[in-house]
């Protein structure tokens, strides 16, 4: 499920669980989401997003799971750091190559 500063994880998990447990009691998934969202003080769109992400994380729906998204974010950050380090090493290598060059500059 996505991160939210307004709703603690326990509240999000409870709301999603209620939707999943009681969806058969409503005429549609949207009706269940709308009804339960009102009880938690969030919008139906927000709760629907949480339910979708829970279904992805549970393997019911296709998509990028929360753990995969976190891992991708971590790898992208690591990749940026490695590119920066590589750029620094290239610049240092070029500098020292110029300094140690036995050819006089003209």
PDB file of N, CA and C in Angstrom:
ATOM      1  N   UNK A   1       0.844  -1.168   0.000  1.00  0.00           N
ATOM      2  CA  UNK A   1       0.000   0.000   0.000  1.00  0.00           C
ATOM      3  C   UNK A   1       0.888   1.228   0.000  1.00  0.00           C
ATOM      4  N   UNK A   2       0.394   2.307  -0.562  1.00  0.00           N
ATOM      5  CA  UNK A   2       1.162   3.532  -0.642  1.00  0.00           C
ATOM      6  C   UNK A   2       1.341   4.170   0.724  1.00  0.00           C
ATOM      7  N   UNK A   3       2.300   5.019   0.813  1.00  0.00           N
ATOM      8  CA  UNK A   3       2.567   5.682   2.074  1.00  0.00           C
ATOM      9  C   UNK A   3       1.660   6.894   2.216  1.00  0.00           C
ATOM     10  N   UNK A   4       1.168   7.103   3.410  1.00  0.00           N
ATOM     11  CA  UNK A   4       0.309   8.241   3.671  1.00  0.00           C
ATOM     12  C   UNK A   4       0.681   8.817   5.021  1.00  0.00           C
ATOM     13  N   UNK A   5       0.799  10.123   5.083  1.00  0.00           N
ATOM     14  CA  UNK A   5       1.118  10.758   6.353  1.00  0.00           C
ATOM     15  C   UNK A   5      -0.146  10.972   7.176  1.00  0.00           C
ATOM     16  N   UNK A   6      -1.278  11.053   6.483  1.00  0.00           N
ATOM     17  CA  UNK A   6      -2.521  11.359   7.182  1.00  0.00           C
ATOM     18  C   UNK A   6      -3.130  10.118   7.839  1.00  0.00           C
ATOM     19  N   UNK A   7      -2.984   8.990   7.208  1.00  0.00           N
ATOM     20  CA  UNK A   7      -3.599   7.756   7.713  1.00  0.00           C
ATOM     21  C   UNK A   7      -2.514   6.763   8.116  1.00  0.00           C
ATOM     22  N   UNK A   8      -2.495   6.379   9.371  1.00  0.00           N
ATOM     23  CA  UNK A   8      -1.486   5.405   9.812  1.00  0.00           C
ATOM     24  C   UNK A   8      -1.692   4.057   9.117  1.00  0.00           C
ATOM     25  N   UNK A   9      -0.631   3.266   9.006  1.00  0.00           N
ATOM     26  CA  UNK A   9      -0.731   1.964   8.340  1.00  0.00           C
ATOM     27  C   UNK A   9      -1.828   1.069   8.916  1.00  0.00           C
ATOM     28  N   UNK A  10      -2.041   1.131  10.229  1.00  0.00           N
ATOM     29  CA  UNK A  10      -3.056   0.288  10.857  1.00  0.00           C
ATOM     30  C   UNK A  10      -4.450   0.633  10.345  1.00  0.00           C
ATOM     31  N   UNK A  11      -4.707   1.921  10.170  1.00  0.00           N
ATOM     32  CA  UNK A  11      -6.014   2.374   9.680  1.00  0.00           C
ATOM     33  C   UNK A  11      -6.198   1.925   8.230  1.00  0.00           C
ATOM     34  N   UNK A  12      -5.157   2.120   7.408  1.00  0.00           N
ATOM     35  CA  UNK A  12      -5.244   1.700   6.001  1.00  0.00           C
ATOM     36  C   UNK A  12      -5.498   0.201   5.907  1.00  0.00           C
ATOM     37  N   UNK A  13      -4.745  -0.581   6.680  1.00  0.00           N
ATOM     38  CA  UNK A  13      -4.898  -2.037   6.636  1.00  0.00           C
ATOM     39  C   UNK A  13      -6.293  -2.470   7.085  1.00  0.00           C
ATOM     40  N   UNK A  14      -6.807  -1.826   8.116  1.00  0.00           N
ATOM     41  CA  UNK A  14      -8.148  -2.184   8.613  1.00  0.00           C
ATOM     42  C   UNK A  14      -9.221  -1.846   7.588  1.00  0.00           C
ATOM     43  N   UNK A  15      -9.102  -0.679   6.954  1.00  0.00           N
ATOM     44  CA  UNK A  15     -10.073  -0.278   5.938  1.00  0.00           C
ATOM     45  C   UNK A  15     -10.040  -1.240   4.754  1.00  0.00           C
ATOM     46  N   UNK A  16      -8.860  -1.598   4.305  1.00  0.00           N
ATOM     47  CA  UNK A  16      -8.723  -2.545   3.185  1.00  0.00           C
ATOM     48  C   UNK A  16      -9.306  -3.897   3.568  1.00  0.00           C
ATOM     49  N   UNK A  17      -9.000  -4.348   4.763  1.00  0.00           N
ATOM     50  CA  UNK A  17      -9.524  -5.645   5.223  1.00  0.00           C
ATOM     51  C   UNK A  17     -11.050  -5.639   5.237  1.00  0.00           C
ATOM     52  N   UNK A  18     -11.641  -4.544   5.705  1.00  0.00           N
ATOM     53  CA  UNK A  18     -13.101  -4.454   5.722  1.00  0.00           C
ATOM     54  C   UNK A  18     -13.682  -4.513   4.311  1.00  0.00           C
ATOM     55  N   UNK A  19     -13.053  -3.809   3.371  1.00  0.00           N
ATOM     56  CA  UNK A  19     -13.537  -3.850   1.986  1.00  0.00           C
ATOM     57  C   UNK A  19     -13.469  -5.275   1.454  1.00  0.00           C
ATOM     58  N   UNK A  20     -12.342  -5.927   1.653  1.00  0.00           N
ATOM     59  CA  UNK A  20     -12.165  -7.280   1.116  1.00  0.00           C
ATOM     60  C   UNK A  20     -13.099  -8.293   1.783  1.00  0.00           C
ATOM     61  N   UNK A  21     -13.339  -8.110   3.072  1.00  0.00           N
ATOM     62  CA  UNK A  21     -14.208  -9.042   3.792  1.00  0.00           C
ATOM     63  C   UNK A  21     -15.686  -8.826   3.482  1.00  0.00           C
ATOM     64  N   UNK A  22     -16.096  -7.591   3.191  1.00  0.00           N
ATOM     65  CA  UNK A  22     -17.514  -7.278   3.052  1.00  0.00           C
ATOM     66  C   UNK A  22     -17.938  -6.909   1.633  1.00  0.00           C
ATOM     67  N   UNK A  23     -17.079  -7.093   0.654  1.00  0.00           N
ATOM     68  CA  UNK A  23     -17.448  -6.668  -0.708  1.00  0.00           C
ATOM     69  C   UNK A  23     -18.639  -7.422  -1.264  1.00  0.00           C
ATOM     70  N   UNK A  24     -18.853  -8.644  -0.820  1.00  0.00           N
ATOM     71  CA  UNK A  24     -19.987  -9.445  -1.314  1.00  0.00           C
ATOM     72  C   UNK A  24     -21.328  -8.903  -0.809  1.00  0.00           C
ATOM     73  N   UNK A  25     -21.303  -8.117   0.251  1.00  0.00           N
ATOM     74  CA  UNK A  25     -22.530  -7.560   0.814  1.00  0.00           C
ATOM     75  C   UNK A  25     -23.035  -6.346   0.035  1.00  0.00           C
ATOM     76  N   UNK A  26     -22.238  -5.848  -0.900  1.00  0.00           N
ATOM     77  CA  UNK A  26     -22.589  -4.651  -1.665  1.00  0.00           C
ATOM     78  C   UNK A  26     -22.826  -5.020  -3.130  1.00  0.00           C
ATOM     79  N   UNK A  27     -23.504  -4.144  -3.842  1.00  0.00           N
ATOM     80  CA  UNK A  27     -23.837  -4.406  -5.243  1.00  0.00           C
ATOM     81  C   UNK A  27     -22.613  -4.353  -6.148  1.00  0.00           C
ATOM     82  N   UNK A  28     -21.578  -3.623  -5.714  1.00  0.00           N
ATOM     83  CA  UNK A  28     -20.356  -3.534  -6.513  1.00  0.00           C
ATOM     84  C   UNK A  28     -19.183  -3.251  -5.584  1.00  0.00           C
ATOM     85  N   UNK A  29     -17.997  -3.406  -6.140  1.00  0.00           N
ATOM     86  CA  UNK A  29     -16.792  -3.103  -5.363  1.00  0.00           C
ATOM     87  C   UNK A  29     -16.779  -1.613  -5.018  1.00  0.00           C
ATOM     88  N   UNK A  30     -17.193  -0.772  -5.964  1.00  0.00           N
ATOM     89  CA  UNK A  30     -17.200   0.671  -5.719  1.00  0.00           C
ATOM     90  C   UNK A  30     -18.162   1.033  -4.580  1.00  0.00           C
ATOM     91  N   UNK A  31     -19.293   0.364  -4.523  1.00  0.00           N
ATOM     92  CA  UNK A  31     -20.253   0.619  -3.446  1.00  0.00           C
ATOM     93  C   UNK A  31     -19.634   0.267  -2.089  1.00  0.00           C
ATOM     94  N   UNK A  32     -18.932  -0.855  -2.033  1.00  0.00           N
ATOM     95  CA  UNK A  32     -18.270  -1.258  -0.792  1.00  0.00           C
ATOM     96  C   UNK A  32     -17.195  -0.248  -0.403  1.00  0.00           C
ATOM     97  N   UNK A  33     -16.386   0.143  -1.382  1.00  0.00           N
ATOM     98  CA  UNK A  33     -15.313   1.097  -1.118  1.00  0.00           C
ATOM     99  C   UNK A  33     -15.889   2.438  -0.659  1.00  0.00           C
ATOM    100  N   UNK A  34     -16.915   2.918  -1.337  1.00  0.00           N
ATOM    101  CA  UNK A  34     -17.516   4.208  -0.980  1.00  0.00           C
ATOM    102  C   UNK A  34     -18.087   4.193   0.429  1.00  0.00           C
ATOM    103  N   UNK A  35     -18.793   3.123   0.772  1.00  0.00           N
ATOM    104  CA  UNK A  35     -19.406   3.023   2.086  1.00  0.00           C
ATOM    105  C   UNK A  35     -18.352   2.964   3.196  1.00  0.00           C
ATOM    106  N   UNK A  36     -17.346   2.140   2.999  1.00  0.00           N
ATOM    107  CA  UNK A  36     -16.326   1.962   4.038  1.00  0.00           C
ATOM    108  C   UNK A  36     -15.425   3.190   4.126  1.00  0.00           C
ATOM    109  N   UNK A  37     -15.142   3.844   2.997  1.00  0.00           N
ATOM    110  CA  UNK A  37     -14.313   5.051   3.009  1.00  0.00           C
ATOM    111  C   UNK A  37     -14.959   6.134   3.868  1.00  0.00           C
ATOM    112  N   UNK A  38     -16.262   6.266   3.756  1.00  0.00           N
ATOM    113  CA  UNK A  38     -16.966   7.279   4.545  1.00  0.00           C
ATOM    114  C   UNK A  38     -16.799   7.021   6.042  1.00  0.00           C
ATOM    115  N   UNK A  39     -16.755   5.771   6.437  1.00  0.00           N
ATOM    116  CA  UNK A  39     -16.604   5.427   7.854  1.00  0.00           C
ATOM    117  C   UNK A  39     -15.205   5.756   8.376  1.00  0.00           C
ATOM    118  N   UNK A  40     -14.222   5.765   7.473  1.00  0.00           N
ATOM    119  CA  UNK A  40     -12.845   6.037   7.882  1.00  0.00           C
ATOM    120  C   UNK A  40     -12.430   7.482   7.632  1.00  0.00           C
ATOM    121  N   UNK A  41     -13.314   8.251   7.012  1.00  0.00           N
ATOM    122  CA  UNK A  41     -13.007   9.653   6.777  1.00  0.00           C
ATOM    123  C   UNK A  41     -12.013   9.893   5.658  1.00  0.00           C
ATOM    124  N   UNK A  42     -11.946   8.963   4.710  1.00  0.00           N
ATOM    125  CA  UNK A  42     -11.074   9.162   3.553  1.00  0.00           C
ATOM    126  C   UNK A  42     -11.930   9.133   2.296  1.00  0.00           C
ATOM    127  N   UNK A  43     -11.360   9.536   1.175  1.00  0.00           N
ATOM    128  CA  UNK A  43     -12.128   9.497  -0.062  1.00  0.00           C
ATOM    129  C   UNK A  43     -12.186   8.072  -0.592  1.00  0.00           C
ATOM    130  N   UNK A  44     -13.206   7.815  -1.380  1.00  0.00           N
ATOM    131  CA  UNK A  44     -13.349   6.485  -1.971  1.00  0.00           C
ATOM    132  C   UNK A  44     -12.179   6.182  -2.908  1.00  0.00           C
ATOM    133  N   UNK A  45     -11.683   7.204  -3.608  1.00  0.00           N
ATOM    134  CA  UNK A  45     -10.554   7.005  -4.507  1.00  0.00           C
ATOM    135  C   UNK A  45      -9.301   6.588  -3.737  1.00  0.00           C
ATOM    136  N   UNK A  46      -9.100   7.181  -2.577  1.00  0.00           N
ATOM    137  CA  UNK A  46      -7.952   6.830  -1.750  1.00  0.00           C
ATOM    138  C   UNK A  46      -8.051   5.380  -1.299  1.00  0.00           C
ATOM    139  N   UNK A  47      -9.197   5.009  -0.775  1.00  0.00           N
ATOM    140  CA  UNK A  47      -9.386   3.634  -0.310  1.00  0.00           C
ATOM    141  C   UNK A  47      -9.293   2.651  -1.466  1.00  0.00           C
ATOM    142  N   UNK A  48      -9.825   3.006  -2.612  1.00  0.00           N
ATOM    143  CA  UNK A  48      -9.737   2.119  -3.766  1.00  0.00           C
ATOM    144  C   UNK A  48      -8.267   1.880  -4.142  1.00  0.00           C
ATOM    145  N   UNK A  49      -7.448   2.917  -4.068  1.00  0.00           N
ATOM    146  CA  UNK A  49      -6.013   2.769  -4.336  1.00  0.00           C
ATOM    147  C   UNK A  49      -5.353   1.828  -3.344  1.00  0.00           C
ATOM    148  N   UNK A  50      -5.726   1.952  -2.073  1.00  0.00           N
ATOM    149  CA  UNK A  50      -5.177   1.050  -1.061  1.00  0.00           C
ATOM    150  C   UNK A  50      -5.581  -0.386  -1.337  1.00  0.00           C
ATOM    151  N   UNK A  51      -6.853  -0.585  -1.721  1.00  0.00           N
ATOM    152  CA  UNK A  51      -7.346  -1.942  -1.999  1.00  0.00           C
ATOM    153  C   UNK A  51      -6.599  -2.522  -3.203  1.00  0.00           C
ATOM    154  N   UNK A  52      -6.447  -1.738  -4.242  1.00  0.00           N
ATOM    155  CA  UNK A  52      -5.719  -2.220  -5.428  1.00  0.00           C
ATOM    156  C   UNK A  52      -4.297  -2.621  -5.075  1.00  0.00           C
ATOM    157  N   UNK A  53      -3.610  -1.766  -4.291  1.00  0.00           N
ATOM    158  CA  UNK A  53      -2.235  -2.085  -3.920  1.00  0.00           C
ATOM    159  C   UNK A  53      -2.186  -3.337  -3.053  1.00  0.00           C
ATOM    160  N   UNK A  54      -3.156  -3.519  -2.168  1.00  0.00           N
ATOM    161  CA  UNK A  54      -3.207  -4.731  -1.348  1.00  0.00           C
ATOM    162  C   UNK A  54      -3.420  -5.958  -2.224  1.00  0.00           C
ATOM    163  N   UNK A  55      -4.244  -5.833  -3.251  1.00  0.00           N
ATOM    164  CA  UNK A  55      -4.462  -6.953  -4.172  1.00  0.00           C
ATOM    165  C   UNK A  55      -3.193  -7.266  -4.959  1.00  0.00           C
ATOM    166  N   UNK A  56      -2.462  -6.238  -5.349  1.00  0.00           N
ATOM    167  CA  UNK A  56      -1.187  -6.457  -6.047  1.00  0.00           C
ATOM    168  C   UNK A  56      -0.204  -7.143  -5.115  1.00  0.00           C
ATOM    169  N   UNK A  57      -0.089  -6.627  -3.888  1.00  0.00           N
ATOM    170  CA  UNK A  57       0.833  -7.214  -2.916  1.00  0.00           C
ATOM    171  C   UNK A  57       0.456  -8.649  -2.585  1.00  0.00           C
ATOM    172  N   UNK A  58      -0.841  -8.964  -2.631  1.00  0.00           N
ATOM    173  CA  UNK A  58      -1.313 -10.315  -2.330  1.00  0.00           C
ATOM    174  C   UNK A  58      -1.274 -11.249  -3.526  1.00  0.00           C
ATOM    175  N   UNK A  59      -0.885 -10.744  -4.681  1.00  0.00           N
ATOM    176  CA  UNK A  59      -0.786 -11.582  -5.870  1.00  0.00           C
ATOM    177  C   UNK A  59      -2.105 -11.793  -6.587  1.00  0.00           C
ATOM    178  N   UNK A  60      -3.155 -11.077  -6.193  1.00  0.00           N
ATOM    179  CA  UNK A  60      -4.469 -11.224  -6.803  1.00  0.00           C
ATOM    180  C   UNK A  60      -4.543 -10.416  -8.092  1.00  0.00           C
ATOM    181  N   UNK A  61      -3.847  -9.293  -8.119  1.00  0.00           N
ATOM    182  CA  UNK A  61      -3.884  -8.373  -9.259  1.00  0.00           C
ATOM    183  C   UNK A  61      -2.455  -8.185  -9.758  1.00  0.00           C
ATOM    184  N   UNK A  62      -2.324  -7.978 -11.064  1.00  0.00           N
ATOM    185  CA  UNK A  62      -1.000  -7.733 -11.640  1.00  0.00           C
ATOM    186  C   UNK A  62      -0.572  -6.302 -11.354  1.00  0.00           C
ATOM    187  N   UNK A  63       0.735  -6.121 -11.191  1.00  0.00           N
ATOM    188  CA  UNK A  63       1.278  -4.790 -10.962  1.00  0.00           C
ATOM    189  C   UNK A  63       2.550  -4.866 -10.143  1.00  0.00           C
ATOM    190  N   UNK A  64       3.081  -3.727  -9.814  1.00  0.00           N
ATOM    191  CA  UNK A  64       4.314  -3.649  -9.036  1.00  0.00           C
ATOM    192  C   UNK A  64       3.975  -3.665  -7.553  1.00  0.00           C
ATOM    193  N   UNK A  65       4.482  -4.662  -6.862  1.00  0.00           N
ATOM    194  CA  UNK A  65       4.201  -4.765  -5.430  1.00  0.00           C
ATOM    195  C   UNK A  65       4.942  -3.680  -4.668  1.00  0.00           C
ATOM    196  N   UNK A  66       4.507  -3.448  -3.459  1.00  0.00           N
ATOM    197  CA  UNK A  66       5.132  -2.436  -2.609  1.00  0.00           C
ATOM    198  C   UNK A  66       6.595  -2.761  -2.377  1.00  0.00           C
ATOM    199  N   UNK A  67       6.906  -4.020  -2.102  1.00  0.00           N
ATOM    200  CA  UNK A  67       8.299  -4.396  -1.853  1.00  0.00           C
ATOM    201  C   UNK A  67       9.140  -4.227  -3.113  1.00  0.00           C
ATOM    202  N   UNK A  68       8.580  -4.563  -4.284  1.00  0.00           N
ATOM    203  CA  UNK A  68       9.316  -4.365  -5.535  1.00  0.00           C
ATOM    204  C   UNK A  68       9.544  -2.884  -5.798  1.00  0.00           C
ATOM    205  N   UNK A  69       8.538  -2.063  -5.528  1.00  0.00           N
ATOM    206  CA  UNK A  69       8.674  -0.613  -5.740  1.00  0.00           C
ATOM    207  C   UNK A  69       9.757  -0.036  -4.831  1.00  0.00           C
ATOM    208  N   UNK A  70       9.807  -0.504  -3.585  1.00  0.00           N
ATOM    209  CA  UNK A  70      10.841  -0.039  -2.658  1.00  0.00           C
ATOM    210  C   UNK A  70      12.218  -0.476  -3.132  1.00  0.00           C
ATOM    211  N   UNK A  71      12.312  -1.715  -3.616  1.00  0.00           N
ATOM    212  CA  UNK A  71      13.600  -2.238  -4.120  1.00  0.00           C
ATOM    213  C   UNK A  71      14.048  -1.469  -5.365  1.00  0.00           C
ATOM    214  N   UNK A  72      13.126  -1.165  -6.259  1.00  0.00           N
ATOM    215  CA  UNK A  72      13.451  -0.387  -7.461  1.00  0.00           C
ATOM    216  C   UNK A  72      13.957   0.992  -7.065  1.00  0.00           C
ATOM    217  N   UNK A  73      13.278   1.626  -6.112  1.00  0.00           N
ATOM    218  CA  UNK A  73      13.689   2.951  -5.651  1.00  0.00           C
ATOM    219  C   UNK A  73      15.099   2.895  -5.058  1.00  0.00           C
ATOM    220  N   UNK A  74      15.375   1.856  -4.264  1.00  0.00           N
ATOM    221  CA  UNK A  74      16.690   1.683  -3.655  1.00  0.00           C
ATOM    222  C   UNK A  74      17.759   1.481  -4.736  1.00  0.00           C
ATOM    223  N   UNK A  75      17.466   0.667  -5.739  1.00  0.00           N
ATOM    224  CA  UNK A  75      18.427   0.415  -6.817  1.00  0.00           C
ATOM    225  C   UNK A  75      18.661   1.664  -7.658  1.00  0.00           C
ATOM    226  N   UNK A  76      17.622   2.450  -7.887  1.00  0.00           N
ATOM    227  CA  UNK A  76      17.791   3.699  -8.632  1.00  0.00           C
ATOM    228  C   UNK A  76      18.680   4.675  -7.864  1.00  0.00           C
ATOM    229  N   UNK A  77      18.501   4.750  -6.558  1.00  0.00           N
ATOM    230  CA  UNK A  77      19.338   5.619  -5.726  1.00  0.00           C
ATOM    231  C   UNK A  77      20.795   5.139  -5.767  1.00  0.00           C
ATOM    232  N   UNK A  78      20.998   3.841  -5.647  1.00  0.00           N
ATOM    233  CA  UNK A  78      22.344   3.277  -5.701  1.00  0.00           C
ATOM    234  C   UNK A  78      22.978   3.546  -7.074  1.00  0.00           C
ATOM    235  N   UNK A  79      22.193   3.418  -8.130  1.00  0.00           N
ATOM    236  CA  UNK A  79      22.684   3.669  -9.476  1.00  0.00           C
ATOM    237  C   UNK A  79      23.137   5.129  -9.624  1.00  0.00           C
ATOM    238  N   UNK A  80      22.337   6.071  -9.099  1.00  0.00           N
ATOM    239  CA  UNK A  80      22.723   7.487  -9.150  1.00  0.00           C
ATOM    240  C   UNK A  80      24.044   7.729  -8.419  1.00  0.00           C
ATOM    241  N   UNK A  81      24.188   7.123  -7.237  1.00  0.00           N
ATOM    242  CA  UNK A  81      25.417   7.283  -6.459  1.00  0.00           C
ATOM    243  C   UNK A  81      26.615   6.715  -7.205  1.00  0.00           C
ATOM    244  N   UNK A  82      26.442   5.556  -7.835  1.00  0.00           N
ATOM    245  CA  UNK A  82      27.541   4.944  -8.577  1.00  0.00           C
ATOM    246  C   UNK A  82      27.916   5.775  -9.800  1.00  0.00           C
ATOM    247  N   UNK A  83      26.924   6.351 -10.465  1.00  0.00           N
ATOM    248  CA  UNK A  83      27.221   7.219 -11.617  1.00  0.00           C
ATOM    249  C   UNK A  83      28.014   8.451 -11.175  1.00  0.00           C
ATOM    250  N   UNK A  84      27.620   9.031 -10.037  1.00  0.00           N
ATOM    251  CA  UNK A  84      28.361  10.196  -9.516  1.00  0.00           C
ATOM    252  C   UNK A  84      29.794   9.813  -9.179  1.00  0.00           C
ATOM    253  N   UNK A  85      29.968   8.676  -8.500  1.00  0.00           N
ATOM    254  CA  UNK A  85      31.318   8.213  -8.147  1.00  0.00           C
ATOM    255  C   UNK A  85      32.135   7.951  -9.409  1.00  0.00           C
ATOM    256  N   UNK A  86      31.506   7.381 -10.421  1.00  0.00           N
ATOM    257  CA  UNK A  86      32.195   7.102 -11.677  1.00  0.00           C
ATOM    258  C   UNK A  86      32.628   8.404 -12.351  1.00  0.00           C
ATOM    259  N   UNK A  87      31.767   9.407 -12.341  1.00  0.00           N
ATOM    260  CA  UNK A  87      32.115  10.709 -12.923  1.00  0.00           C
ATOM    261  C   UNK A  87      33.297  11.344 -12.189  1.00  0.00           C
ATOM    262  N   UNK A  88      33.306  11.228 -10.881  1.00  0.00           N
ATOM    263  CA  UNK A  88      34.419  11.772 -10.086  1.00  0.00           C
ATOM    264  C   UNK A  88      35.707  11.041 -10.435  1.00  0.00           C
ATOM    265  N   UNK A  89      35.647   9.716 -10.531  1.00  0.00           N
ATOM    266  CA  UNK A  89      36.845   8.941 -10.863  1.00  0.00           C
ATOM    267  C   UNK A  89      37.356   9.254 -12.271  1.00  0.00           C
ATOM    268  N   UNK A  90      36.442   9.459 -13.213  1.00  0.00           N
ATOM    269  CA  UNK A  90      36.852   9.824 -14.578  1.00  0.00           C
ATOM    270  C   UNK A  90      37.562  11.171 -14.575  1.00  0.00           C
ATOM    271  N   UNK A  91      36.996  12.133 -13.846  1.00  0.00           N
ATOM    272  CA  UNK A  91      37.611  13.454 -13.781  1.00  0.00           C
ATOM    273  C   UNK A  91      38.986  13.388 -13.123  1.00  0.00           C
ATOM    274  N   UNK A  92      39.105  12.622 -12.053  1.00  0.00           N
ATOM    275  CA  UNK A  92      40.389  12.477 -11.366  1.00  0.00           C
ATOM    276  C   UNK A  92      41.402  11.788 -12.274  1.00  0.00           C
ATOM    277  N   UNK A  93      40.964  10.787 -12.988  1.00  0.00           N
ATOM    278  CA  UNK A  93      41.849  10.071 -13.907  1.00  0.00           C
ATOM    279  C   UNK A  93      42.364  11.012 -14.997  1.00  0.00           C
ATOM    280  N   UNK A  94      41.482  11.812 -15.552  1.00  0.00           N
ATOM    281  CA  UNK A  94      41.879  12.763 -16.587  1.00  0.00           C
ATOM    282  C   UNK A  94      42.853  13.794 -16.015  1.00  0.00           C
ATOM    283  N   UNK A  95      42.601  14.270 -14.813  1.00  0.00           N
ATOM    284  CA  UNK A  95      43.479  15.241 -14.181  1.00  0.00           C
ATOM    285  C   UNK A  95      44.882  14.663 -13.991  1.00  0.00           C
ATOM    286  N   UNK A  96      44.956  13.464 -13.417  1.00  0.00           N
ATOM    287  CA  UNK A  96      46.265  12.867 -13.167  1.00  0.00           C
ATOM    288  C   UNK A  96      46.960  12.473 -14.463  1.00  0.00           C
ATOM    289  N   UNK A  97      46.221  12.114 -15.464  1.00  0.00           N
ATOM    290  CA  UNK A  97      46.826  11.803 -16.760  1.00  0.00           C
ATOM    291  C   UNK A  97      47.487  13.054 -17.333  1.00  0.00           C
ATOM    292  N   UNK A  98      46.846  14.216 -17.184  1.00  0.00           N
ATOM    293  CA  UNK A  98      47.434  15.474 -17.658  1.00  0.00           C
ATOM    294  C   UNK A  98      48.662  15.846 -16.826  1.00  0.00           C
ATOM    295  N   UNK A  99      48.578  15.618 -15.522  1.00  0.00           N
ATOM    296  CA  UNK A  99      49.688  15.982 -14.636  1.00  0.00           C
ATOM    297  C   UNK A  99      50.920  15.111 -14.878  1.00  0.00           C
ATOM    298  N   UNK A 100      50.705  13.862 -15.204  1.00  0.00           N
ATOM    299  CA  UNK A 100      51.821  12.936 -15.380  1.00  0.00           C
ATOM    300  C   UNK A 100      52.271  12.824 -16.831  1.00  0.00           C
ATOM    301  N   UNK A 101      51.661  13.555 -17.715  1.00  0.00           N
ATOM    302  CA  UNK A 101      51.985  13.493 -19.135  1.00  0.00           C
ATOM    303  C   UNK A 101      53.373  14.054 -19.379  1.00  0.00           C
ATOM    304  N   UNK A 102      54.289  13.263 -19.956  1.00  0.00           N
ATOM    305  CA  UNK A 102      55.654  13.760 -20.165  1.00  0.00           C
ATOM    306  C   UNK A 102      55.738  14.765 -21.325  1.00  0.00           C
ATOM    307  N   UNK A 103      54.722  14.891 -22.119  1.00  0.00           N
ATOM    308  CA  UNK A 103      54.730  15.825 -23.240  1.00  0.00           C
ATOM    309  C   UNK A 103      54.546  17.246 -22.722  1.00  0.00           C
ATOM    310  N   UNK A 104      55.384  18.157 -23.107  1.00  0.00           N
ATOM    311  CA  UNK A 104      55.176  19.558 -22.710  1.00  0.00           C
ATOM    312  C   UNK A 104      53.968  20.132 -23.444  1.00  0.00           C
ATOM    313  N   UNK A 105      53.260  20.969 -22.769  1.00  0.00           N
ATOM    314  CA  UNK A 105      52.066  21.584 -23.381  1.00  0.00           C
ATOM    315  C   UNK A 105      52.474  22.800 -24.179  1.00  0.00           C
ATOM    316  N   UNK A 106      51.805  23.042 -25.262  1.00  0.00           N
ATOM    317  CA  UNK A 106      52.112  24.194 -26.108  1.00  0.00           C
ATOM    318  C   UNK A 106      50.996  25.165 -26.110  1.00  0.00           C
TER     319      UNK A 106
END
